[in-house]
Amino acid sequence: MKTLTQIIQDLERAGYREVFRAEPAGLVARNEGVAFPPEDVVIDETVRVETGSNPDGQTLVLAVSSKTTPVRGTYVVTYGPNMPAEDAKLLNRMQPATR
């Protein structure tokens, strides 16, 4: 099983170099300093990381890309009952990539 760091490094090598965080304006790209509405971001891949035997200690790593710009990056969130409300709201508004 890969660690969170290894998963992020793999995604960075695949071109997902930006780091996103949730804010009221949407997903904010740390390096670009731009806020993307969740409807303008596509989830390309989801990787679930379990940390230990605690079911509340789960993390999702999302490989996401902008629909309107070439920006691609990762968005890491707590998964399960401890997910912050802001993350849950944004995830509900995001769409998976169509293949």
PDB file of N, CA and C in Angstrom:
ATOM      1  N   MET A   1       0.845  -1.179   0.000  1.00  0.00           N
ATOM      2  CA  MET A   1       0.000   0.000   0.000  1.00  0.00           C
ATOM      3  C   MET A   1       0.888   1.238   0.000  1.00  0.00           C
ATOM      4  N   LYS A   2       0.570   2.185  -0.858  1.00  0.00           N
ATOM      5  CA  LYS A   2       1.355   3.411  -0.961  1.00  0.00           C
ATOM      6  C   LYS A   2       0.947   4.408   0.116  1.00  0.00           C
ATOM      7  N   THR A   3       1.911   5.233   0.483  1.00  0.00           N
ATOM      8  CA  THR A   3       1.638   6.295   1.451  1.00  0.00           C
ATOM      9  C   THR A   3       1.027   7.493   0.729  1.00  0.00           C
ATOM     10  N   LEU A   4       0.490   8.412   1.499  1.00  0.00           N
ATOM     11  CA  LEU A   4      -0.072   9.638   0.945  1.00  0.00           C
ATOM     12  C   LEU A   4       0.986  10.378   0.128  1.00  0.00           C
ATOM     13  N   THR A   5       2.180  10.488   0.656  1.00  0.00           N
ATOM     14  CA  THR A   5       3.269  11.183  -0.043  1.00  0.00           C
ATOM     15  C   THR A   5       3.584  10.509  -1.370  1.00  0.00           C
ATOM     16  N   GLN A   6       3.663   9.189  -1.385  1.00  0.00           N
ATOM     17  CA  GLN A   6       3.962   8.460  -2.622  1.00  0.00           C
ATOM     18  C   GLN A   6       2.875   8.672  -3.677  1.00  0.00           C
ATOM     19  N   ILE A   7       1.622   8.672  -3.248  1.00  0.00           N
ATOM     20  CA  ILE A   7       0.507   8.885  -4.181  1.00  0.00           C
ATOM     21  C   ILE A   7       0.593  10.274  -4.791  1.00  0.00           C
ATOM     22  N   ILE A   8       0.834  11.271  -3.964  1.00  0.00           N
ATOM     23  CA  ILE A   8       0.941  12.647  -4.470  1.00  0.00           C
ATOM     24  C   ILE A   8       2.129  12.775  -5.415  1.00  0.00           C
ATOM     25  N   GLN A   9       3.243  12.164  -5.078  1.00  0.00           N
ATOM     26  CA  GLN A   9       4.412  12.204  -5.960  1.00  0.00           C
ATOM     27  C   GLN A   9       4.115  11.544  -7.302  1.00  0.00           C
ATOM     28  N   ASP A  10       3.411  10.420  -7.296  1.00  0.00           N
ATOM     29  CA  ASP A  10       3.024   9.759  -8.544  1.00  0.00           C
ATOM     30  C   ASP A  10       2.156  10.673  -9.400  1.00  0.00           C
ATOM     31  N   LEU A  11       1.208  11.347  -8.766  1.00  0.00           N
ATOM     32  CA  LEU A  11       0.327  12.254  -9.507  1.00  0.00           C
ATOM     33  C   LEU A  11       1.089  13.479 -10.015  1.00  0.00           C
ATOM     34  N   GLU A  12       2.037  13.977  -9.235  1.00  0.00           N
ATOM     35  CA  GLU A  12       2.860  15.098  -9.702  1.00  0.00           C
ATOM     36  C   GLU A  12       3.646  14.704 -10.949  1.00  0.00           C
ATOM     37  N   ARG A  13       4.209  13.486 -10.948  1.00  0.00           N
ATOM     38  CA  ARG A  13       4.942  13.001 -12.127  1.00  0.00           C
ATOM     39  C   ARG A  13       4.016  12.864 -13.336  1.00  0.00           C
ATOM     40  N   ALA A  14       2.725  12.635 -13.078  1.00  0.00           N
ATOM     41  CA  ALA A  14       1.740  12.511 -14.161  1.00  0.00           C
ATOM     42  C   ALA A  14       1.213  13.875 -14.619  1.00  0.00           C
ATOM     43  N   GLY A  15       1.745  14.957 -14.037  1.00  0.00           N
ATOM     44  CA  GLY A  15       1.354  16.299 -14.479  1.00  0.00           C
ATOM     45  C   GLY A  15       0.430  17.055 -13.548  1.00  0.00           C
ATOM     46  N   TYR A  16       0.068  16.467 -12.429  1.00  0.00           N
ATOM     47  CA  TYR A  16      -0.823  17.132 -11.464  1.00  0.00           C
ATOM     48  C   TYR A  16       0.055  17.882 -10.454  1.00  0.00           C
ATOM     49  N   ARG A  17       0.542  19.061 -10.851  1.00  0.00           N
ATOM     50  CA  ARG A  17       1.558  19.767 -10.064  1.00  0.00           C
ATOM     51  C   ARG A  17       0.991  20.827  -9.123  1.00  0.00           C
ATOM     52  N   GLU A  18      -0.222  21.238  -9.328  1.00  0.00           N
ATOM     53  CA  GLU A  18      -0.836  22.251  -8.467  1.00  0.00           C
ATOM     54  C   GLU A  18      -1.388  21.590  -7.217  1.00  0.00           C
ATOM     55  N   VAL A  19      -1.557  22.374  -6.179  1.00  0.00           N
ATOM     56  CA  VAL A  19      -2.169  21.901  -4.932  1.00  0.00           C
ATOM     57  C   VAL A  19      -3.416  22.750  -4.687  1.00  0.00           C
ATOM     58  N   PHE A  20      -4.559  22.091  -4.542  1.00  0.00           N
ATOM     59  CA  PHE A  20      -5.822  22.792  -4.331  1.00  0.00           C
ATOM     60  C   PHE A  20      -6.259  22.706  -2.874  1.00  0.00           C
ATOM     61  N   ARG A  21      -6.979  23.731  -2.443  1.00  0.00           N
ATOM     62  CA  ARG A  21      -7.595  23.722  -1.112  1.00  0.00           C
ATOM     63  C   ARG A  21      -8.996  24.312  -1.239  1.00  0.00           C
ATOM     64  N   ALA A  22      -9.872  23.906  -0.319  1.00  0.00           N
ATOM     65  CA  ALA A  22     -11.257  24.383  -0.337  1.00  0.00           C
ATOM     66  C   ALA A  22     -11.361  25.729   0.358  1.00  0.00           C
ATOM     67  N   GLU A  23     -12.070  26.635  -0.278  1.00  0.00           N
ATOM     68  CA  GLU A  23     -12.412  27.929   0.300  1.00  0.00           C
ATOM     69  C   GLU A  23     -13.826  28.263  -0.152  1.00  0.00           C
ATOM     70  N   PRO A  24     -14.472  29.223   0.488  1.00  0.00           N
ATOM     71  CA  PRO A  24     -15.842  29.554   0.082  1.00  0.00           C
ATOM     72  C   PRO A  24     -15.986  29.900  -1.407  1.00  0.00           C
ATOM     73  N   ALA A  25     -14.930  30.456  -2.014  1.00  0.00           N
ATOM     74  CA  ALA A  25     -14.994  30.813  -3.432  1.00  0.00           C
ATOM     75  C   ALA A  25     -14.859  29.614  -4.347  1.00  0.00           C
ATOM     76  N   GLY A  26     -14.438  28.474  -3.810  1.00  0.00           N
ATOM     77  CA  GLY A  26     -14.255  27.271  -4.608  1.00  0.00           C
ATOM     78  C   GLY A  26     -12.932  26.615  -4.288  1.00  0.00           C
ATOM     79  N   LEU A  27     -12.374  25.912  -5.262  1.00  0.00           N
ATOM     80  CA  LEU A  27     -11.065  25.294  -5.088  1.00  0.00           C
ATOM     81  C   LEU A  27     -10.002  26.314  -5.466  1.00  0.00           C
ATOM     82  N   VAL A  28      -9.103  26.582  -4.545  1.00  0.00           N
ATOM     83  CA  VAL A  28      -8.062  27.565  -4.784  1.00  0.00           C
ATOM     84  C   VAL A  28      -6.757  26.843  -5.091  1.00  0.00           C
ATOM     85  N   ALA A  29      -6.147  27.219  -6.207  1.00  0.00           N
ATOM     86  CA  ALA A  29      -4.861  26.669  -6.603  1.00  0.00           C
ATOM     87  C   ALA A  29      -3.771  27.443  -5.864  1.00  0.00           C
ATOM     88  N   ARG A  30      -3.016  26.742  -5.036  1.00  0.00           N
ATOM     89  CA  ARG A  30      -2.025  27.396  -4.183  1.00  0.00           C
ATOM     90  C   ARG A  30      -0.983  28.168  -4.988  1.00  0.00           C
ATOM     91  N   ASN A  31      -0.403  27.554  -6.002  1.00  0.00           N
ATOM     92  CA  ASN A  31       0.661  28.217  -6.765  1.00  0.00           C
ATOM     93  C   ASN A  31       0.130  29.307  -7.681  1.00  0.00           C
ATOM     94  N   GLU A  32      -0.987  29.044  -8.324  1.00  0.00           N
ATOM     95  CA  GLU A  32      -1.582  30.012  -9.249  1.00  0.00           C
ATOM     96  C   GLU A  32      -2.312  31.134  -8.508  1.00  0.00           C
ATOM     97  N   GLY A  33      -2.815  30.830  -7.295  1.00  0.00           N
ATOM     98  CA  GLY A  33      -3.566  31.825  -6.538  1.00  0.00           C
ATOM     99  C   GLY A  33      -4.934  32.115  -7.125  1.00  0.00           C
ATOM    100  N   VAL A  34      -5.459  31.178  -7.902  1.00  0.00           N
ATOM    101  CA  VAL A  34      -6.732  31.359  -8.590  1.00  0.00           C
ATOM    102  C   VAL A  34      -7.778  30.450  -7.957  1.00  0.00           C
ATOM    103  N   ALA A  35      -8.997  30.976  -7.796  1.00  0.00           N
ATOM    104  CA  ALA A  35     -10.118  30.181  -7.289  1.00  0.00           C
ATOM    105  C   ALA A  35     -10.931  29.664  -8.468  1.00  0.00           C
ATOM    106  N   PHE A  36     -11.203  28.369  -8.446  1.00  0.00           N
ATOM    107  CA  PHE A  36     -12.006  27.740  -9.483  1.00  0.00           C
ATOM    108  C   PHE A  36     -13.337  27.303  -8.888  1.00  0.00           C
ATOM    109  N   PRO A  37     -14.472  27.717  -9.471  1.00  0.00           N
ATOM    110  CA  PRO A  37     -15.744  27.176  -9.011  1.00  0.00           C
ATOM    111  C   PRO A  37     -15.707  25.659  -9.188  1.00  0.00           C
ATOM    112  N   PRO A  38     -16.287  24.901  -8.270  1.00  0.00           N
ATOM    113  CA  PRO A  38     -16.214  23.439  -8.371  1.00  0.00           C
ATOM    114  C   PRO A  38     -16.804  22.887  -9.662  1.00  0.00           C
ATOM    115  N   GLU A  39     -17.732  23.593 -10.261  1.00  0.00           N
ATOM    116  CA  GLU A  39     -18.316  23.138 -11.528  1.00  0.00           C
ATOM    117  C   GLU A  39     -17.305  23.234 -12.679  1.00  0.00           C
ATOM    118  N   ASP A  40     -16.239  24.022 -12.484  1.00  0.00           N
ATOM    119  CA  ASP A  40     -15.211  24.186 -13.518  1.00  0.00           C
ATOM    120  C   ASP A  40     -14.024  23.256 -13.318  1.00  0.00           C
ATOM    121  N   VAL A  41     -14.147  22.327 -12.361  1.00  0.00           N
ATOM    122  CA  VAL A  41     -13.063  21.397 -12.066  1.00  0.00           C
ATOM    123  C   VAL A  41     -13.574  19.971 -12.254  1.00  0.00           C
ATOM    124  N   VAL A  42     -12.768  19.135 -12.873  1.00  0.00           N
ATOM    125  CA  VAL A  42     -13.127  17.750 -13.139  1.00  0.00           C
ATOM    126  C   VAL A  42     -12.252  16.831 -12.282  1.00  0.00           C
ATOM    127  N   ILE A  43     -12.872  15.815 -11.706  1.00  0.00           N
ATOM    128  CA  ILE A  43     -12.125  14.804 -10.950  1.00  0.00           C
ATOM    129  C   ILE A  43     -11.661  13.743 -11.943  1.00  0.00           C
ATOM    130  N   ASP A  44     -10.344  13.684 -12.178  1.00  0.00           N
ATOM    131  CA  ASP A  44      -9.788  12.717 -13.122  1.00  0.00           C
ATOM    132  C   ASP A  44      -9.519  11.358 -12.472  1.00  0.00           C
ATOM    133  N   GLU A  45      -9.166  11.390 -11.208  1.00  0.00           N
ATOM    134  CA  GLU A  45      -8.845  10.149 -10.504  1.00  0.00           C
ATOM    135  C   GLU A  45      -9.051  10.357  -9.009  1.00  0.00           C
ATOM    136  N   THR A  46      -9.479   9.314  -8.326  1.00  0.00           N
ATOM    137  CA  THR A  46      -9.646   9.338  -6.878  1.00  0.00           C
ATOM    138  C   THR A  46      -8.885   8.167  -6.279  1.00  0.00           C
ATOM    139  N   VAL A  47      -8.051   8.470  -5.287  1.00  0.00           N
ATOM    140  CA  VAL A  47      -7.296   7.433  -4.595  1.00  0.00           C
ATOM    141  C   VAL A  47      -7.637   7.524  -3.116  1.00  0.00           C
ATOM    142  N   ARG A  48      -8.073   6.422  -2.562  1.00  0.00           N
ATOM    143  CA  ARG A  48      -8.428   6.369  -1.140  1.00  0.00           C
ATOM    144  C   ARG A  48      -7.231   5.844  -0.346  1.00  0.00           C
ATOM    145  N   VAL A  49      -6.874   6.563   0.705  1.00  0.00           N
ATOM    146  CA  VAL A  49      -5.740   6.189   1.547  1.00  0.00           C
ATOM    147  C   VAL A  49      -6.270   5.927   2.945  1.00  0.00           C
ATOM    148  N   GLU A  50      -6.038   4.722   3.449  1.00  0.00           N
ATOM    149  CA  GLU A  50      -6.450   4.402   4.808  1.00  0.00           C
ATOM    150  C   GLU A  50      -5.241   4.515   5.712  1.00  0.00           C
ATOM    151  N   THR A  51      -5.415   5.229   6.800  1.00  0.00           N
ATOM    152  CA  THR A  51      -4.320   5.431   7.737  1.00  0.00           C
ATOM    153  C   THR A  51      -4.592   4.638   9.000  1.00  0.00           C
ATOM    154  N   GLY A  52      -3.968   3.482   9.095  1.00  0.00           N
ATOM    155  CA  GLY A  52      -4.151   2.649  10.278  1.00  0.00           C
ATOM    156  C   GLY A  52      -5.483   1.941  10.294  1.00  0.00           C
ATOM    157  N   SER A  53      -5.885   1.497  11.474  1.00  0.00           N
ATOM    158  CA  SER A  53      -7.125   0.735  11.607  1.00  0.00           C
ATOM    159  C   SER A  53      -8.320   1.605  11.972  1.00  0.00           C
ATOM    160  N   ASN A  54      -8.110   2.898  12.143  1.00  0.00           N
ATOM    161  CA  ASN A  54      -9.186   3.803  12.507  1.00  0.00           C
ATOM    162  C   ASN A  54      -9.989   4.176  11.259  1.00  0.00           C
ATOM    163  N   PRO A  55     -11.269   3.779  11.176  1.00  0.00           N
ATOM    164  CA  PRO A  55     -12.055   4.100   9.986  1.00  0.00           C
ATOM    165  C   PRO A  55     -12.281   5.601   9.797  1.00  0.00           C
ATOM    166  N   ASP A  56     -12.106   6.387  10.855  1.00  0.00           N
ATOM    167  CA  ASP A  56     -12.240   7.832  10.717  1.00  0.00           C
ATOM    168  C   ASP A  56     -10.971   8.451  10.153  1.00  0.00           C
ATOM    169  N   GLY A  57      -9.901   7.682  10.051  1.00  0.00           N
ATOM    170  CA  GLY A  57      -8.639   8.197   9.572  1.00  0.00           C
ATOM    171  C   GLY A  57      -8.409   7.903   8.110  1.00  0.00           C
ATOM    172  N   GLN A  58      -9.379   8.192   7.272  1.00  0.00           N
ATOM    173  CA  GLN A  58      -9.269   7.937   5.843  1.00  0.00           C
ATOM    174  C   GLN A  58      -9.117   9.254   5.098  1.00  0.00           C
ATOM    175  N   THR A  59      -8.369   9.185   4.008  1.00  0.00           N
ATOM    176  CA  THR A  59      -8.092  10.366   3.205  1.00  0.00           C
ATOM    177  C   THR A  59      -8.362  10.043   1.746  1.00  0.00           C
ATOM    178  N   LEU A  60      -8.876  11.019   1.022  1.00  0.00           N
ATOM    179  CA  LEU A  60      -9.024  10.911  -0.427  1.00  0.00           C
ATOM    180  C   LEU A  60      -8.023  11.852  -1.078  1.00  0.00           C
ATOM    181  N   VAL A  61      -7.339  11.355  -2.080  1.00  0.00           N
ATOM    182  CA  VAL A  61      -6.485  12.193  -2.912  1.00  0.00           C
ATOM    183  C   VAL A  61      -7.167  12.257  -4.273  1.00  0.00           C
ATOM    184  N   LEU A  62      -7.528  13.451  -4.670  1.00  0.00           N
ATOM    185  CA  LEU A  62      -8.209  13.644  -5.943  1.00  0.00           C
ATOM    186  C   LEU A  62      -7.252  14.286  -6.936  1.00  0.00           C
ATOM    187  N   ALA A  63      -7.125  13.690  -8.100  1.00  0.00           N
ATOM    188  CA  ALA A  63      -6.399  14.314  -9.201  1.00  0.00           C
ATOM    189  C   ALA A  63      -7.445  15.111  -9.964  1.00  0.00           C
ATOM    190  N   VAL A  64      -7.286  16.420 -10.003  1.00  0.00           N
ATOM    191  CA  VAL A  64      -8.304  17.275 -10.606  1.00  0.00           C
ATOM    192  C   VAL A  64      -7.699  18.166 -11.682  1.00  0.00           C
ATOM    193  N   SER A  65      -8.536  18.562 -12.615  1.00  0.00           N
ATOM    194  CA  SER A  65      -8.099  19.469 -13.667  1.00  0.00           C
ATOM    195  C   SER A  65      -9.191  20.491 -13.954  1.00  0.00           C
ATOM    196  N   SER A  66      -8.737  21.659 -14.355  1.00  0.00           N
ATOM    197  CA  SER A  66      -9.650  22.741 -14.707  1.00  0.00           C
ATOM    198  C   SER A  66     -10.245  22.463 -16.083  1.00  0.00           C
ATOM    199  N   LYS A  67     -11.528  22.781 -16.236  1.00  0.00           N
ATOM    200  CA  LYS A  67     -12.174  22.659 -17.548  1.00  0.00           C
ATOM    201  C   LYS A  67     -11.794  23.820 -18.460  1.00  0.00           C
ATOM    202  N   THR A  68     -11.359  24.940 -17.859  1.00  0.00           N
ATOM    203  CA  THR A  68     -11.162  26.170 -18.631  1.00  0.00           C
ATOM    204  C   THR A  68      -9.708  26.591 -18.793  1.00  0.00           C
ATOM    205  N   THR A  69      -8.790  25.951 -18.067  1.00  0.00           N
ATOM    206  CA  THR A  69      -7.364  26.285 -18.145  1.00  0.00           C
ATOM    207  C   THR A  69      -6.566  24.981 -18.133  1.00  0.00           C
ATOM    208  N   PRO A  70      -5.266  25.047 -18.380  1.00  0.00           N
ATOM    209  CA  PRO A  70      -4.463  23.816 -18.331  1.00  0.00           C
ATOM    210  C   PRO A  70      -4.036  23.405 -16.920  1.00  0.00           C
ATOM    211  N   VAL A  71      -4.556  24.052 -15.891  1.00  0.00           N
ATOM    212  CA  VAL A  71      -4.157  23.771 -14.512  1.00  0.00           C
ATOM    213  C   VAL A  71      -4.650  22.390 -14.082  1.00  0.00           C
ATOM    214  N   ARG A  72      -3.709  21.581 -13.537  1.00  0.00           N
ATOM    215  CA  ARG A  72      -4.033  20.254 -12.997  1.00  0.00           C
ATOM    216  C   ARG A  72      -3.308  20.104 -11.668  1.00  0.00           C
ATOM    217  N   GLY A  73      -3.958  19.460 -10.716  1.00  0.00           N
ATOM    218  CA  GLY A  73      -3.314  19.293  -9.422  1.00  0.00           C
ATOM    219  C   GLY A  73      -4.029  18.298  -8.542  1.00  0.00           C
ATOM    220  N   THR A  74      -3.643  18.300  -7.277  1.00  0.00           N
ATOM    221  CA  THR A  74      -4.223  17.381  -6.305  1.00  0.00           C
ATOM    222  C   THR A  74      -5.027  18.151  -5.268  1.00  0.00           C
ATOM    223  N   TYR A  75      -6.033  17.476  -4.776  1.00  0.00           N
ATOM    224  CA  TYR A  75      -6.913  18.015  -3.738  1.00  0.00           C
ATOM    225  C   TYR A  75      -7.072  16.886  -2.729  1.00  0.00           C
ATOM    226  N   VAL A  76      -6.564  17.089  -1.522  1.00  0.00           N
ATOM    227  CA  VAL A  76      -6.561  16.060  -0.485  1.00  0.00           C
ATOM    228  C   VAL A  76      -7.618  16.407   0.555  1.00  0.00           C
ATOM    229  N   VAL A  77      -8.493  15.444   0.836  1.00  0.00           N
ATOM    230  CA  VAL A  77      -9.569  15.676   1.808  1.00  0.00           C
ATOM    231  C   VAL A  77      -9.709  14.493   2.758  1.00  0.00           C
ATOM    232  N   THR A  78     -10.185  14.788   3.955  1.00  0.00           N
ATOM    233  CA  THR A  78     -10.551  13.745   4.905  1.00  0.00           C
ATOM    234  C   THR A  78     -11.829  13.100   4.403  1.00  0.00           C
ATOM    235  N   TYR A  79     -11.886  11.782   4.470  1.00  0.00           N
ATOM    236  CA  TYR A  79     -13.039  11.045   3.974  1.00  0.00           C
ATOM    237  C   TYR A  79     -13.793  10.441   5.147  1.00  0.00           C
ATOM    238  N   GLY A  80     -15.104  10.524   5.122  1.00  0.00           N
ATOM    239  CA  GLY A  80     -15.904   9.915   6.167  1.00  0.00           C
ATOM    240  C   GLY A  80     -16.556  10.942   7.070  1.00  0.00           C
ATOM    241  N   PRO A  81     -16.906  10.536   8.277  1.00  0.00           N
ATOM    242  CA  PRO A  81     -17.676  11.411   9.162  1.00  0.00           C
ATOM    243  C   PRO A  81     -16.931  12.662   9.609  1.00  0.00           C
ATOM    244  N   ASN A  82     -15.611  12.667   9.484  1.00  0.00           N
ATOM    245  CA  ASN A  82     -14.840  13.844   9.894  1.00  0.00           C
ATOM    246  C   ASN A  82     -14.544  14.805   8.752  1.00  0.00           C
ATOM    247  N   MET A  83     -15.156  14.578   7.584  1.00  0.00           N
ATOM    248  CA  MET A  83     -14.921  15.477   6.455  1.00  0.00           C
ATOM    249  C   MET A  83     -15.462  16.869   6.778  1.00  0.00           C
ATOM    250  N   PRO A  84     -14.640  17.903   6.616  1.00  0.00           N
ATOM    251  CA  PRO A  84     -15.126  19.256   6.847  1.00  0.00           C
ATOM    252  C   PRO A  84     -16.280  19.602   5.899  1.00  0.00           C
ATOM    253  N   ALA A  85     -17.211  20.390   6.384  1.00  0.00           N
ATOM    254  CA  ALA A  85     -18.408  20.740   5.613  1.00  0.00           C
ATOM    255  C   ALA A  85     -18.050  21.429   4.297  1.00  0.00           C
ATOM    256  N   GLU A  86     -17.045  22.283   4.304  1.00  0.00           N
ATOM    257  CA  GLU A  86     -16.650  22.991   3.078  1.00  0.00           C
ATOM    258  C   GLU A  86     -16.198  22.010   2.000  1.00  0.00           C
ATOM    259  N   ASP A  87     -15.432  20.995   2.395  1.00  0.00           N
ATOM    260  CA  ASP A  87     -15.002  19.978   1.432  1.00  0.00           C
ATOM    261  C   ASP A  87     -16.192  19.194   0.900  1.00  0.00           C
ATOM    262  N   ALA A  88     -17.113  18.816   1.772  1.00  0.00           N
ATOM    263  CA  ALA A  88     -18.291  18.052   1.347  1.00  0.00           C
ATOM    264  C   ALA A  88     -19.122  18.842   0.345  1.00  0.00           C
ATOM    265  N   LYS A  89     -19.307  20.130   0.591  1.00  0.00           N
ATOM    266  CA  LYS A  89     -20.081  20.976  -0.331  1.00  0.00           C
ATOM    267  C   LYS A  89     -19.423  21.024  -1.708  1.00  0.00           C
ATOM    268  N   LEU A  90     -18.109  21.227  -1.716  1.00  0.00           N
ATOM    269  CA  LEU A  90     -17.402  21.314  -2.996  1.00  0.00           C
ATOM    270  C   LEU A  90     -17.436  19.985  -3.750  1.00  0.00           C
ATOM    271  N   LEU A  91     -17.196  18.893  -3.047  1.00  0.00           N
ATOM    272  CA  LEU A  91     -17.199  17.589  -3.707  1.00  0.00           C
ATOM    273  C   LEU A  91     -18.550  17.267  -4.329  1.00  0.00           C
ATOM    274  N   ASN A  92     -19.615  17.666  -3.669  1.00  0.00           N
ATOM    275  CA  ASN A  92     -20.958  17.419  -4.207  1.00  0.00           C
ATOM    276  C   ASN A  92     -21.214  18.186  -5.495  1.00  0.00           C
ATOM    277  N   ARG A  93     -20.462  19.257  -5.723  1.00  0.00           N
ATOM    278  CA  ARG A  93     -20.656  20.083  -6.917  1.00  0.00           C
ATOM    279  C   ARG A  93     -19.685  19.748  -8.044  1.00  0.00           C
ATOM    280  N   MET A  94     -18.672  18.921  -7.754  1.00  0.00           N
ATOM    281  CA  MET A  94     -17.686  18.554  -8.763  1.00  0.00           C
ATOM    282  C   MET A  94     -18.148  17.335  -9.548  1.00  0.00           C
ATOM    283  N   GLN A  95     -17.666  17.221 -10.777  1.00  0.00           N
ATOM    284  CA  GLN A  95     -18.045  16.114 -11.647  1.00  0.00           C
ATOM    285  C   GLN A  95     -16.833  15.235 -11.953  1.00  0.00           C
ATOM    286  N   PRO A  96     -17.062  13.921 -12.032  1.00  0.00           N
ATOM    287  CA  PRO A  96     -15.958  13.054 -12.479  1.00  0.00           C
ATOM    288  C   PRO A  96     -15.733  13.239 -13.978  1.00  0.00           C
ATOM    289  N   ALA A  97     -14.516  12.992 -14.404  1.00  0.00           N
ATOM    290  CA  ALA A  97     -14.200  13.076 -15.835  1.00  0.00           C
ATOM    291  C   ALA A  97     -14.956  11.986 -16.583  1.00  0.00           C
ATOM    292  N   THR A  98     -15.410  12.286 -17.773  1.00  0.00           N
ATOM    293  CA  THR A  98     -16.047  11.272 -18.614  1.00  0.00           C
ATOM    294  C   THR A  98     -14.973  10.641 -19.480  1.00  0.00           C
ATOM    295  N   ARG A  99     -15.046   9.359 -19.579  1.00  0.00           N
ATOM    296  CA  ARG A  99     -13.998   8.639 -20.353  1.00  0.00           C
ATOM    297  C   ARG A  99     -14.610   7.990 -21.562  1.00  0.00           C
TER     298      ARG A  99
END
